[in-house]
Amino acid sequence: MKKQILQIIFLLGATLSGSYAQKEITPEVNYEFSGGAGHYNYAPSVIQDEYGIRYAFVCQNLEPFKIVDYVYLYKGIPTKNGYTWQPGTRILDPSDLGWDINHICDPDVRRFRTTYNGETYEYIMTYLGTDQWDNFHNQIGLAISKNIEGPYIKFDKNPIIGSSSRTTWGVGQSTSIVLNDSTLRIFYSNSNGGFTYRDAVMNNLNNIRMGPEKYIKNMPGNNYPAFSGKNVYMVSERRVDMDKLIPTWVGNVAQLSYIPLGQDLSTDGSKWTKIGAVTPRESGFPRNHNPGILTDEKGYMLNDDELIMYFTPAVTGANWLWSYDMYSARFDLKKYFTNGK
């Protein structure tokens, strides 16, 4: 009788709360690819086409042991033993003059038909650029292409999202989601206001119309979202107990959280539900940062059964930057959302 009463109390509590308490899940971590000795790669934007081919757009340096960011593409071919990655191809360089003369980084590519000066393009890339070596004055620009593998042509009215301050980090680390045939929703980090998103009508680049900036409070670190038919997922770089880790600006935890799709997108970051994370325990590395989510070509989840996070682990010490290689973490969402039901 006592056991039955306890069961009734448990079921009643679950009904009143709307769902059972979820238990965080541990991802499966795997190595993916490397730029080779003296090279780093990070800030992944990875999309999968209808044939299962994956295209990973990343930051990487050109000359060994020289810190200048370029945009590279790694192409992953599905095989019975997993994905085989082709060598990286450099697809976008810093400019010779102007706003992105020093570094270009944080690429994000989407299949989005747009026209410009009478030409039609099928793919659009947002990326970060800067003209200062101190990593301040970051801004966001566009590049366009008729083919996913390039060539990518820089928009001649860049940057599309600017920063006037030369003494703050600025704006960048963008992720886009295609809302419809005319509009992209662009998410980005912002020194003035925190994590930001805005809708941009961009099907005609001769007439770009930017919507107002909106903010998600208390969403620290680099954040990269993806939509599904049920939820909005977010992967975020976090810094947990970083007192003894140098440099302090490279995070050690890559966290996954979500809110239901119908919930206000501006929901305070502290109220998003944590699903799990890659920590030093899961990866074996003290650093785990710059995460991104595998999506389709428009920025949507492939399904709600699993989520693939791409991220960059790293060591500490003098060679920390040259240890930046690409890894993945698979989260079993089907297991998570059926836990206890």
C-alpha atoms as a PDB file:
ATOM      1  CA  MET A   1       0.000   0.000   0.000  1.00  0.00           C
ATOM      2  CA  LYS A   2       2.803   2.411   0.901  1.00  0.00           C
ATOM      3  CA  LYS A   3       4.524   1.650  -2.411  1.00  0.00           C
ATOM      4  CA  GLN A   4       1.315   2.379  -4.338  1.00  0.00           C
ATOM      5  CA  ILE A   5       0.875   5.724  -2.538  1.00  0.00           C
ATOM      6  CA  LEU A   6       4.436   6.727  -3.431  1.00  0.00           C
ATOM      7  CA  GLN A   7       3.812   5.800  -7.066  1.00  0.00           C
ATOM      8  CA  ILE A   8       0.632   7.926  -7.136  1.00  0.00           C
ATOM      9  CA  ILE A   9       2.478  10.905  -5.608  1.00  0.00           C
ATOM     10  CA  PHE A  10       5.262  10.549  -8.196  1.00  0.00           C
ATOM     11  CA  LEU A  11       2.842  10.353 -11.120  1.00  0.00           C
ATOM     12  CA  LEU A  12       0.811  13.295  -9.835  1.00  0.00           C
ATOM     13  CA  GLY A  13       3.949  15.417  -9.480  1.00  0.00           C
ATOM     14  CA  ALA A  14       4.989  14.531 -13.018  1.00  0.00           C
ATOM     15  CA  THR A  15       1.545  15.454 -14.351  1.00  0.00           C
ATOM     16  CA  LEU A  16       1.466  18.797 -12.543  1.00  0.00           C
ATOM     17  CA  SER A  17       4.932  19.714 -13.761  1.00  0.00           C
ATOM     18  CA  GLY A  18       3.999  18.853 -17.368  1.00  0.00           C
ATOM     19  CA  SER A  19       6.814  16.348 -17.885  1.00  0.00           C
ATOM     20  CA  TYR A  20       9.220  14.071 -16.130  1.00  0.00           C
ATOM     21  CA  ALA A  21      12.522  15.494 -14.947  1.00  0.00           C
ATOM     22  CA  GLN A  22      15.118  15.004 -17.665  1.00  0.00           C
ATOM     23  CA  LYS A  23      18.537  13.580 -16.977  1.00  0.00           C
ATOM     24  CA  GLU A  24      21.449  15.155 -18.843  1.00  0.00           C
ATOM     25  CA  ILE A  25      23.035  12.836 -21.380  1.00  0.00           C
ATOM     26  CA  THR A  26      26.681  12.127 -22.191  1.00  0.00           C
ATOM     27  CA  PRO A  27      27.641  12.556 -25.854  1.00  0.00           C
ATOM     28  CA  GLU A  28      29.769  10.231 -27.952  1.00  0.00           C
ATOM     29  CA  VAL A  29      32.929  12.134 -28.970  1.00  0.00           C
ATOM     30  CA  ASN A  30      34.928  11.398 -32.149  1.00  0.00           C
ATOM     31  CA  TYR A  31      37.876  12.904 -34.038  1.00  0.00           C
ATOM     32  CA  GLU A  32      37.001  14.291 -37.497  1.00  0.00           C
ATOM     33  CA  PHE A  33      39.861  16.116 -39.269  1.00  0.00           C
ATOM     34  CA  SER A  34      42.948  18.309 -38.907  1.00  0.00           C
ATOM     35  CA  GLY A  35      44.707  21.041 -40.864  1.00  0.00           C
ATOM     36  CA  GLY A  36      48.062  19.378 -40.183  1.00  0.00           C
ATOM     37  CA  ALA A  37      51.176  20.411 -38.256  1.00  0.00           C
ATOM     38  CA  GLY A  38      51.332  24.129 -37.542  1.00  0.00           C
ATOM     39  CA  HIS A  39      47.709  24.664 -38.558  1.00  0.00           C
ATOM     40  CA  TYR A  40      44.562  25.255 -36.545  1.00  0.00           C
ATOM     41  CA  ASN A  41      40.917  24.938 -37.499  1.00  0.00           C
ATOM     42  CA  TYR A  42      37.902  26.027 -35.511  1.00  0.00           C
ATOM     43  CA  ALA A  43      34.520  27.859 -35.706  1.00  0.00           C
ATOM     44  CA  PRO A  44      32.756  25.157 -37.752  1.00  0.00           C
ATOM     45  CA  SER A  45      29.657  25.613 -39.899  1.00  0.00           C
ATOM     46  CA  VAL A  46      28.760  22.100 -41.086  1.00  0.00           C
ATOM     47  CA  ILE A  47      25.862  21.370 -43.424  1.00  0.00           C
ATOM     48  CA  GLN A  48      24.651  18.144 -45.019  1.00  0.00           C
ATOM     49  CA  ASP A  49      23.073  17.950 -48.466  1.00  0.00           C
ATOM     50  CA  GLU A  50      20.422  15.588 -49.806  1.00  0.00           C
ATOM     51  CA  TYR A  51      23.058  12.991 -50.712  1.00  0.00           C
ATOM     52  CA  GLY A  52      24.512  12.859 -47.205  1.00  0.00           C
ATOM     53  CA  ILE A  53      27.665  14.774 -48.159  1.00  0.00           C
ATOM     54  CA  ARG A  54      28.871  17.123 -45.427  1.00  0.00           C
ATOM     55  CA  TYR A  55      30.497  20.491 -46.023  1.00  0.00           C
ATOM     56  CA  ALA A  56      32.473  21.910 -43.104  1.00  0.00           C
ATOM     57  CA  PHE A  57      33.362  25.599 -43.386  1.00  0.00           C
ATOM     58  CA  VAL A  58      36.017  26.530 -40.810  1.00  0.00           C
ATOM     59  CA  CYS A  59      38.681  29.077 -39.856  1.00  0.00           C
ATOM     60  CA  GLN A  60      42.224  27.992 -40.632  1.00  0.00           C
ATOM     61  CA  ASN A  61      45.635  29.567 -41.106  1.00  0.00           C
ATOM     62  CA  LEU A  62      47.418  29.411 -44.475  1.00  0.00           C
ATOM     63  CA  GLU A  63      51.104  29.402 -43.502  1.00  0.00           C
ATOM     64  CA  PRO A  64      52.278  26.963 -40.797  1.00  0.00           C
ATOM     65  CA  PHE A  65      52.595  28.566 -37.360  1.00  0.00           C
ATOM     66  CA  LYS A  66      51.460  31.977 -38.648  1.00  0.00           C
ATOM     67  CA  ILE A  67      48.269  33.348 -37.074  1.00  0.00           C
ATOM     68  CA  VAL A  68      46.142  34.761 -39.874  1.00  0.00           C
ATOM     69  CA  ASP A  69      42.600  33.428 -40.342  1.00  0.00           C
ATOM     70  CA  TYR A  70      41.235  32.288 -43.708  1.00  0.00           C
ATOM     71  CA  VAL A  71      38.060  30.377 -44.568  1.00  0.00           C
ATOM     72  CA  TYR A  72      38.549  26.733 -45.557  1.00  0.00           C
ATOM     73  CA  LEU A  73      36.144  24.041 -46.756  1.00  0.00           C
ATOM     74  CA  TYR A  74      36.417  20.366 -45.796  1.00  0.00           C
ATOM     75  CA  LYS A  75      34.183  17.963 -47.722  1.00  0.00           C
ATOM     76  CA  GLY A  76      33.020  14.806 -45.924  1.00  0.00           C
ATOM     77  CA  ILE A  77      32.001  11.740 -47.935  1.00  0.00           C
ATOM     78  CA  PRO A  78      29.740   9.143 -46.247  1.00  0.00           C
ATOM     79  CA  THR A  79      31.115   5.585 -46.198  1.00  0.00           C
ATOM     80  CA  LYS A  80      30.137   2.390 -44.398  1.00  0.00           C
ATOM     81  CA  ASN A  81      32.784   3.234 -41.789  1.00  0.00           C
ATOM     82  CA  GLY A  82      31.675   6.829 -41.234  1.00  0.00           C
ATOM     83  CA  TYR A  83      32.743  10.033 -42.934  1.00  0.00           C
ATOM     84  CA  THR A  84      35.970  10.365 -44.908  1.00  0.00           C
ATOM     85  CA  TRP A  85      37.147  13.968 -45.115  1.00  0.00           C
ATOM     86  CA  GLN A  86      38.943  15.354 -48.152  1.00  0.00           C
ATOM     87  CA  PRO A  87      41.853  17.771 -47.581  1.00  0.00           C
ATOM     88  CA  GLY A  88      40.796  21.310 -46.819  1.00  0.00           C
ATOM     89  CA  THR A  89      40.472  23.872 -49.621  1.00  0.00           C
ATOM     90  CA  ARG A  90      40.982  27.597 -49.050  1.00  0.00           C
ATOM     91  CA  ILE A  91      37.914  29.428 -50.349  1.00  0.00           C
ATOM     92  CA  LEU A  92      38.057  32.972 -48.910  1.00  0.00           C
ATOM     93  CA  ASP A  93      40.963  35.268 -48.002  1.00  0.00           C
ATOM     94  CA  PRO A  94      41.365  38.527 -46.096  1.00  0.00           C
ATOM     95  CA  SER A  95      41.083  41.521 -48.414  1.00  0.00           C
ATOM     96  CA  ASP A  96      44.030  43.608 -49.575  1.00  0.00           C
ATOM     97  CA  LEU A  97      42.312  46.749 -48.290  1.00  0.00           C
ATOM     98  CA  GLY A  98      39.343  47.676 -46.160  1.00  0.00           C
ATOM     99  CA  TRP A  99      37.332  46.363 -43.242  1.00  0.00           C
ATOM    100  CA  ASP A 100      38.487  42.680 -43.394  1.00  0.00           C
ATOM    101  CA  ILE A 101      42.179  43.159 -44.183  1.00  0.00           C
ATOM    102  CA  ASN A 102      43.594  41.246 -41.171  1.00  0.00           C
ATOM    103  CA  HIS A 103      41.474  38.180 -40.390  1.00  0.00           C
ATOM    104  CA  ILE A 104      38.332  36.589 -41.776  1.00  0.00           C
ATOM    105  CA  CYS A 105      36.661  33.906 -39.714  1.00  0.00           C
ATOM    106  CA  ASP A 106      33.415  32.363 -38.389  1.00  0.00           C
ATOM    107  CA  PRO A 107      31.950  31.410 -41.779  1.00  0.00           C
ATOM    108  CA  ASP A 108      28.317  30.346 -41.989  1.00  0.00           C
ATOM    109  CA  VAL A 109      26.967  29.049 -45.315  1.00  0.00           C
ATOM    110  CA  ARG A 110      23.330  28.558 -46.314  1.00  0.00           C
ATOM    111  CA  ARG A 111      21.519  27.582 -49.492  1.00  0.00           C
ATOM    112  CA  PHE A 112      19.606  30.775 -50.218  1.00  0.00           C
ATOM    113  CA  ARG A 113      18.815  32.073 -53.677  1.00  0.00           C
ATOM    114  CA  THR A 114      19.614  35.739 -54.070  1.00  0.00           C
ATOM    115  CA  THR A 115      20.201  38.140 -56.939  1.00  0.00           C
ATOM    116  CA  TYR A 116      22.813  40.836 -57.276  1.00  0.00           C
ATOM    117  CA  ASN A 117      23.471  43.127 -60.233  1.00  0.00           C
ATOM    118  CA  GLY A 118      21.474  40.912 -62.557  1.00  0.00           C
ATOM    119  CA  GLU A 119      23.159  37.627 -61.503  1.00  0.00           C
ATOM    120  CA  THR A 120      21.559  34.825 -59.466  1.00  0.00           C
ATOM    121  CA  TYR A 121      23.456  33.060 -56.677  1.00  0.00           C
ATOM    122  CA  GLU A 122      22.462  29.900 -54.788  1.00  0.00           C
ATOM    123  CA  TYR A 123      24.627  30.102 -51.647  1.00  0.00           C
ATOM    124  CA  ILE A 124      25.295  32.884 -49.183  1.00  0.00           C
ATOM    125  CA  MET A 125      28.003  33.111 -46.528  1.00  0.00           C
ATOM    126  CA  THR A 126      28.113  35.414 -43.538  1.00  0.00           C
ATOM    127  CA  TYR A 127      31.558  35.812 -42.015  1.00  0.00           C
ATOM    128  CA  LEU A 128      33.541  37.890 -39.514  1.00  0.00           C
ATOM    129  CA  GLY A 129      36.212  40.311 -40.621  1.00  0.00           C
ATOM    130  CA  THR A 130      38.494  42.761 -38.846  1.00  0.00           C
ATOM    131  CA  ASP A 131      41.054  45.409 -39.725  1.00  0.00           C
ATOM    132  CA  GLN A 132      42.780  45.410 -36.314  1.00  0.00           C
ATOM    133  CA  TRP A 133      45.388  42.953 -35.025  1.00  0.00           C
ATOM    134  CA  ASP A 134      44.139  43.373 -31.449  1.00  0.00           C
ATOM    135  CA  ASN A 135      40.974  41.389 -32.368  1.00  0.00           C
ATOM    136  CA  PHE A 136      38.729  44.424 -31.815  1.00  0.00           C
ATOM    137  CA  HIS A 137      36.473  46.085 -34.382  1.00  0.00           C
ATOM    138  CA  ASN A 138      35.003  42.824 -35.707  1.00  0.00           C
ATOM    139  CA  GLN A 139      32.187  43.194 -38.240  1.00  0.00           C
ATOM    140  CA  ILE A 140      29.985  40.901 -40.353  1.00  0.00           C
ATOM    141  CA  GLY A 141      30.088  40.657 -44.129  1.00  0.00           C
ATOM    142  CA  LEU A 142      28.690  38.560 -46.976  1.00  0.00           C
ATOM    143  CA  ALA A 143      30.091  36.375 -49.726  1.00  0.00           C
ATOM    144  CA  ILE A 144      27.995  34.683 -52.427  1.00  0.00           C
ATOM    145  CA  SER A 145      28.427  31.739 -54.779  1.00  0.00           C
ATOM    146  CA  LYS A 146      26.603  29.792 -57.470  1.00  0.00           C
ATOM    147  CA  ASN A 147      28.022  26.531 -56.111  1.00  0.00           C
ATOM    148  CA  ILE A 148      28.435  25.300 -52.537  1.00  0.00           C
ATOM    149  CA  GLU A 149      32.141  24.650 -53.125  1.00  0.00           C
ATOM    150  CA  GLY A 150      32.760  28.110 -54.569  1.00  0.00           C
ATOM    151  CA  PRO A 151      34.139  30.312 -55.846  1.00  0.00           C
ATOM    152  CA  TYR A 152      32.772  32.763 -53.242  1.00  0.00           C
ATOM    153  CA  ILE A 153      32.608  36.428 -54.212  1.00  0.00           C
ATOM    154  CA  LYS A 154      32.631  39.094 -51.523  1.00  0.00           C
ATOM    155  CA  PHE A 155      29.691  41.489 -51.473  1.00  0.00           C
ATOM    156  CA  ASP A 156      31.009  44.924 -52.447  1.00  0.00           C
ATOM    157  CA  LYS A 157      28.922  46.787 -49.857  1.00  0.00           C
ATOM    158  CA  ASN A 158      30.328  44.973 -46.830  1.00  0.00           C
ATOM    159  CA  PRO A 159      30.067  44.969 -43.884  1.00  0.00           C
ATOM    160  CA  ILE A 160      26.325  44.327 -43.664  1.00  0.00           C
ATOM    161  CA  ILE A 161      26.356  44.476 -39.834  1.00  0.00           C
ATOM    162  CA  GLY A 162      28.937  46.953 -38.631  1.00  0.00           C
ATOM    163  CA  SER A 163      30.516  48.124 -35.408  1.00  0.00           C
ATOM    164  CA  SER A 164      31.621  51.721 -34.928  1.00  0.00           C
ATOM    165  CA  SER A 165      33.766  51.070 -31.842  1.00  0.00           C
ATOM    166  CA  ARG A 166      37.455  50.371 -32.296  1.00  0.00           C
ATOM    167  CA  THR A 167      37.995  49.622 -28.605  1.00  0.00           C
ATOM    168  CA  THR A 168      35.491  46.762 -28.186  1.00  0.00           C
ATOM    169  CA  TRP A 169      35.225  43.308 -29.740  1.00  0.00           C
ATOM    170  CA  GLY A 170      32.356  44.335 -32.063  1.00  0.00           C
ATOM    171  CA  VAL A 171      30.005  41.868 -33.822  1.00  0.00           C
ATOM    172  CA  GLY A 172      30.570  38.435 -35.322  1.00  0.00           C
ATOM    173  CA  GLN A 173      30.323  34.632 -34.855  1.00  0.00           C
ATOM    174  CA  SER A 174      27.201  34.588 -36.999  1.00  0.00           C
ATOM    175  CA  THR A 175      24.758  31.750 -37.653  1.00  0.00           C
ATOM    176  CA  SER A 176      21.921  32.103 -40.147  1.00  0.00           C
ATOM    177  CA  ILE A 177      18.630  30.255 -40.520  1.00  0.00           C
ATOM    178  CA  VAL A 178      16.574  30.521 -43.708  1.00  0.00           C
ATOM    179  CA  LEU A 179      13.058  31.587 -42.695  1.00  0.00           C
ATOM    180  CA  ASN A 180      11.600  31.719 -46.220  1.00  0.00           C
ATOM    181  CA  ASP A 181      12.531  32.587 -49.819  1.00  0.00           C
ATOM    182  CA  SER A 182      13.302  36.191 -48.911  1.00  0.00           C
ATOM    183  CA  THR A 183      14.525  36.271 -45.321  1.00  0.00           C
ATOM    184  CA  LEU A 184      17.456  35.085 -43.213  1.00  0.00           C
ATOM    185  CA  ARG A 185      17.469  35.216 -39.431  1.00  0.00           C
ATOM    186  CA  ILE A 186      21.031  36.115 -38.456  1.00  0.00           C
ATOM    187  CA  PHE A 187      22.281  35.352 -34.928  1.00  0.00           C
ATOM    188  CA  TYR A 188      25.557  36.869 -33.743  1.00  0.00           C
ATOM    189  CA  SER A 189      27.674  37.858 -30.760  1.00  0.00           C
ATOM    190  CA  ASN A 190      27.578  41.562 -29.999  1.00  0.00           C
ATOM    191  CA  SER A 191      29.661  43.682 -27.611  1.00  0.00           C
ATOM    192  CA  ASN A 192      26.729  46.060 -27.380  1.00  0.00           C
ATOM    193  CA  GLY A 193      23.872  44.005 -25.951  1.00  0.00           C
ATOM    194  CA  GLY A 194      25.082  40.416 -25.846  1.00  0.00           C
ATOM    195  CA  PHE A 195      23.765  37.593 -28.015  1.00  0.00           C
ATOM    196  CA  THR A 196      21.721  39.146 -30.806  1.00  0.00           C
ATOM    197  CA  TYR A 197      19.459  38.179 -33.692  1.00  0.00           C
ATOM    198  CA  ARG A 198      17.722  40.053 -36.457  1.00  0.00           C
ATOM    199  CA  ASP A 199      15.794  39.233 -39.624  1.00  0.00           C
ATOM    200  CA  ALA A 200      17.230  40.383 -42.939  1.00  0.00           C
ATOM    201  CA  VAL A 201      15.409  40.462 -46.286  1.00  0.00           C
ATOM    202  CA  MET A 202      18.214  39.470 -48.638  1.00  0.00           C
ATOM    203  CA  ASN A 203      16.749  37.854 -51.757  1.00  0.00           C
ATOM    204  CA  ASN A 204      17.859  40.977 -53.650  1.00  0.00           C
ATOM    205  CA  LEU A 205      21.248  42.233 -52.466  1.00  0.00           C
ATOM    206  CA  ASN A 206      20.666  45.543 -54.222  1.00  0.00           C
ATOM    207  CA  ASN A 207      17.940  46.143 -51.643  1.00  0.00           C
ATOM    208  CA  ILE A 208      18.848  44.592 -48.272  1.00  0.00           C
ATOM    209  CA  ARG A 209      16.387  45.358 -45.491  1.00  0.00           C
ATOM    210  CA  MET A 210      17.595  44.761 -41.943  1.00  0.00           C
ATOM    211  CA  GLY A 211      15.092  44.229 -39.137  1.00  0.00           C
ATOM    212  CA  PRO A 212      15.599  45.484 -35.569  1.00  0.00           C
ATOM    213  CA  GLU A 213      18.095  43.857 -33.238  1.00  0.00           C
ATOM    214  CA  LYS A 214      16.672  41.524 -30.589  1.00  0.00           C
ATOM    215  CA  TYR A 215      18.550  40.007 -27.684  1.00  0.00           C
ATOM    216  CA  ILE A 216      18.786  36.808 -25.657  1.00  0.00           C
ATOM    217  CA  LYS A 217      19.972  37.788 -22.195  1.00  0.00           C
ATOM    218  CA  ASN A 218      22.350  35.663 -20.125  1.00  0.00           C
ATOM    219  CA  MET A 219      23.535  33.568 -23.063  1.00  0.00           C
ATOM    220  CA  PRO A 220      27.300  33.900 -22.486  1.00  0.00           C
ATOM    221  CA  GLY A 221      30.071  32.781 -24.811  1.00  0.00           C
ATOM    222  CA  ASN A 222      29.881  31.803 -28.467  1.00  0.00           C
ATOM    223  CA  ASN A 223      26.357  30.569 -29.285  1.00  0.00           C
ATOM    224  CA  TYR A 224      25.087  28.773 -32.388  1.00  0.00           C
ATOM    225  CA  PRO A 225      21.409  27.793 -32.809  1.00  0.00           C
ATOM    226  CA  ALA A 226      19.443  25.433 -35.039  1.00  0.00           C
ATOM    227  CA  PHE A 227      15.687  24.956 -35.481  1.00  0.00           C
ATOM    228  CA  SER A 228      13.756  21.713 -35.720  1.00  0.00           C
ATOM    229  CA  GLY A 229      10.070  20.957 -36.070  1.00  0.00           C
ATOM    230  CA  LYS A 230       9.839  20.765 -32.264  1.00  0.00           C
ATOM    231  CA  ASN A 231      12.623  22.758 -30.625  1.00  0.00           C
ATOM    232  CA  VAL A 232      15.245  25.460 -30.870  1.00  0.00           C
ATOM    233  CA  TYR A 233      18.650  24.019 -29.992  1.00  0.00           C
ATOM    234  CA  MET A 234      21.669  26.058 -28.913  1.00  0.00           C
ATOM    235  CA  VAL A 235      25.296  25.050 -28.518  1.00  0.00           C
ATOM    236  CA  SER A 236      27.381  27.428 -26.425  1.00  0.00           C
ATOM    237  CA  GLU A 237      30.972  27.834 -25.332  1.00  0.00           C
ATOM    238  CA  ARG A 238      31.159  28.111 -21.552  1.00  0.00           C
ATOM    239  CA  ARG A 239      33.914  28.785 -19.047  1.00  0.00           C
ATOM    240  CA  VAL A 240      33.631  26.631 -15.934  1.00  0.00           C
ATOM    241  CA  ASP A 241      36.220  26.808 -13.124  1.00  0.00           C
ATOM    242  CA  MET A 242      38.745  28.479 -15.422  1.00  0.00           C
ATOM    243  CA  ASP A 243      41.013  29.866 -12.679  1.00  0.00           C
ATOM    244  CA  LYS A 244      44.023  27.749 -13.594  1.00  0.00           C
ATOM    245  CA  LEU A 245      43.596  27.622 -17.375  1.00  0.00           C
ATOM    246  CA  ILE A 246      45.583  30.032 -19.541  1.00  0.00           C
ATOM    247  CA  PRO A 247      44.536  31.753 -21.781  1.00  0.00           C
ATOM    248  CA  THR A 248      41.240  32.528 -20.096  1.00  0.00           C
ATOM    249  CA  TRP A 249      39.379  33.506 -23.271  1.00  0.00           C
ATOM    250  CA  VAL A 250      39.276  29.925 -24.633  1.00  0.00           C
ATOM    251  CA  GLY A 251      36.400  28.005 -23.027  1.00  0.00           C
ATOM    252  CA  ASN A 252      36.500  24.490 -21.615  1.00  0.00           C
ATOM    253  CA  VAL A 253      32.857  23.375 -21.956  1.00  0.00           C
ATOM    254  CA  ALA A 254      30.710  23.103 -25.099  1.00  0.00           C
ATOM    255  CA  GLN A 255      27.112  22.953 -23.861  1.00  0.00           C
ATOM    256  CA  LEU A 256      23.863  21.941 -25.575  1.00  0.00           C
ATOM    257  CA  SER A 257      20.506  23.368 -24.455  1.00  0.00           C
ATOM    258  CA  TYR A 258      17.047  23.925 -25.927  1.00  0.00           C
ATOM    259  CA  ILE A 259      13.641  25.549 -25.649  1.00  0.00           C
ATOM    260  CA  PRO A 260      10.401  24.335 -27.296  1.00  0.00           C
ATOM    261  CA  LEU A 261       9.829  25.898 -30.699  1.00  0.00           C
ATOM    262  CA  GLY A 262       6.713  27.765 -29.599  1.00  0.00           C
ATOM    263  CA  GLN A 263       8.470  29.452 -26.688  1.00  0.00           C
ATOM    264  CA  ASP A 264       9.647  33.053 -26.964  1.00  0.00           C
ATOM    265  CA  LEU A 265      13.025  32.938 -28.711  1.00  0.00           C
ATOM    266  CA  SER A 266      14.248  35.753 -26.468  1.00  0.00           C
ATOM    267  CA  THR A 267      13.819  33.564 -23.372  1.00  0.00           C
ATOM    268  CA  ASP A 268      16.574  34.334 -20.864  1.00  0.00           C
ATOM    269  CA  GLY A 269      19.528  32.032 -21.469  1.00  0.00           C
ATOM    270  CA  SER A 270      19.457  30.809 -17.866  1.00  0.00           C
ATOM    271  CA  LYS A 271      15.981  29.363 -18.522  1.00  0.00           C
ATOM    272  CA  TRP A 272      16.959  27.198 -21.500  1.00  0.00           C
ATOM    273  CA  THR A 273      17.033  23.493 -20.575  1.00  0.00           C
ATOM    274  CA  LYS A 274      20.471  21.902 -20.610  1.00  0.00           C
ATOM    275  CA  ILE A 275      20.633  18.569 -22.464  1.00  0.00           C
ATOM    276  CA  GLY A 276      24.312  17.826 -21.920  1.00  0.00           C
ATOM    277  CA  ALA A 277      27.814  19.080 -22.635  1.00  0.00           C
ATOM    278  CA  VAL A 278      31.291  18.206 -23.800  1.00  0.00           C
ATOM    279  CA  THR A 279      33.620  18.754 -20.851  1.00  0.00           C
ATOM    280  CA  PRO A 280      37.257  17.672 -20.353  1.00  0.00           C
ATOM    281  CA  ARG A 281      35.905  14.396 -19.031  1.00  0.00           C
ATOM    282  CA  GLU A 282      34.144  13.525 -22.317  1.00  0.00           C
ATOM    283  CA  SER A 283      36.789  14.773 -24.760  1.00  0.00           C
ATOM    284  CA  GLY A 284      39.974  14.132 -22.813  1.00  0.00           C
ATOM    285  CA  PHE A 285      41.111  17.728 -23.439  1.00  0.00           C
ATOM    286  CA  PRO A 286      41.129  20.704 -21.048  1.00  0.00           C
ATOM    287  CA  ARG A 287      39.630  22.965 -23.772  1.00  0.00           C
ATOM    288  CA  ASN A 288      36.378  22.391 -25.661  1.00  0.00           C
ATOM    289  CA  HIS A 289      35.112  25.400 -27.524  1.00  0.00           C
ATOM    290  CA  ASN A 290      33.637  27.074 -30.650  1.00  0.00           C
ATOM    291  CA  PRO A 291      30.824  24.530 -31.099  1.00  0.00           C
ATOM    292  CA  GLY A 292      28.470  24.356 -34.071  1.00  0.00           C
ATOM    293  CA  ILE A 293      25.504  22.144 -35.012  1.00  0.00           C
ATOM    294  CA  LEU A 294      25.258  19.888 -38.062  1.00  0.00           C
ATOM    295  CA  THR A 295      22.203  21.064 -40.039  1.00  0.00           C
ATOM    296  CA  ASP A 296      20.696  20.861 -43.489  1.00  0.00           C
ATOM    297  CA  GLU A 297      21.572  23.502 -46.066  1.00  0.00           C
ATOM    298  CA  LYS A 298      19.066  25.979 -44.634  1.00  0.00           C
ATOM    299  CA  GLY A 299      20.079  25.725 -40.972  1.00  0.00           C
ATOM    300  CA  TYR A 300      17.527  23.183 -39.717  1.00  0.00           C
ATOM    301  CA  MET A 301      18.068  19.971 -37.822  1.00  0.00           C
ATOM    302  CA  LEU A 302      18.186  16.791 -39.885  1.00  0.00           C
ATOM    303  CA  ASN A 303      15.829  15.171 -37.346  1.00  0.00           C
ATOM    304  CA  ASP A 304      14.958  15.247 -33.642  1.00  0.00           C
ATOM    305  CA  ASP A 305      16.530  11.863 -32.880  1.00  0.00           C
ATOM    306  CA  GLU A 306      20.140  13.020 -32.670  1.00  0.00           C
ATOM    307  CA  LEU A 307      22.235  16.166 -32.673  1.00  0.00           C
ATOM    308  CA  ILE A 308      25.795  16.302 -33.963  1.00  0.00           C
ATOM    309  CA  MET A 309      27.910  19.057 -32.438  1.00  0.00           C
ATOM    310  CA  TYR A 310      31.192  19.964 -34.092  1.00  0.00           C
ATOM    311  CA  PHE A 311      33.735  21.598 -31.790  1.00  0.00           C
ATOM    312  CA  THR A 312      37.461  22.197 -31.281  1.00  0.00           C
ATOM    313  CA  PRO A 313      39.303  20.755 -28.278  1.00  0.00           C
ATOM    314  CA  ALA A 314      42.763  21.946 -27.323  1.00  0.00           C
ATOM    315  CA  VAL A 315      45.605  21.448 -24.894  1.00  0.00           C
ATOM    316  CA  THR A 316      47.098  24.034 -22.544  1.00  0.00           C
ATOM    317  CA  GLY A 317      50.641  25.370 -22.568  1.00  0.00           C
ATOM    318  CA  ALA A 318      52.725  26.978 -25.306  1.00  0.00           C
ATOM    319  CA  ASN A 319      51.340  24.859 -28.155  1.00  0.00           C
ATOM    320  CA  TRP A 320      47.636  25.269 -27.353  1.00  0.00           C
ATOM    321  CA  LEU A 321      46.724  26.987 -30.637  1.00  0.00           C
ATOM    322  CA  TRP A 322      48.410  24.370 -32.835  1.00  0.00           C
ATOM    323  CA  SER A 323      46.368  21.620 -31.184  1.00  0.00           C
ATOM    324  CA  TYR A 324      43.096  22.950 -32.647  1.00  0.00           C
ATOM    325  CA  ASP A 325      41.591  20.016 -34.579  1.00  0.00           C
ATOM    326  CA  MET A 326      37.964  19.259 -35.401  1.00  0.00           C
ATOM    327  CA  TYR A 327      35.940  16.778 -33.335  1.00  0.00           C
ATOM    328  CA  SER A 328      32.274  15.841 -33.175  1.00  0.00           C
ATOM    329  CA  ALA A 329      29.935  14.949 -30.326  1.00  0.00           C
ATOM    330  CA  ARG A 330      26.762  12.935 -30.936  1.00  0.00           C
ATOM    331  CA  PHE A 331      23.866  13.553 -28.545  1.00  0.00           C
ATOM    332  CA  ASP A 332      21.158  10.881 -28.511  1.00  0.00           C
ATOM    333  CA  LEU A 333      18.076  13.113 -28.406  1.00  0.00           C
ATOM    334  CA  LYS A 334      15.696  10.207 -28.777  1.00  0.00           C
ATOM    335  CA  LYS A 335      17.064   8.732 -25.552  1.00  0.00           C
ATOM    336  CA  TYR A 336      16.946  12.107 -23.818  1.00  0.00           C
ATOM    337  CA  PHE A 337      13.346  12.984 -24.686  1.00  0.00           C
ATOM    338  CA  THR A 338      12.019   9.505 -23.862  1.00  0.00           C
ATOM    339  CA  ASN A 339      13.929   9.275 -20.583  1.00  0.00           C
ATOM    340  CA  GLY A 340      11.529   8.267 -17.838  1.00  0.00           C
ATOM    341  CA  LYS A 341       8.474   8.095 -20.113  1.00  0.00           C
END
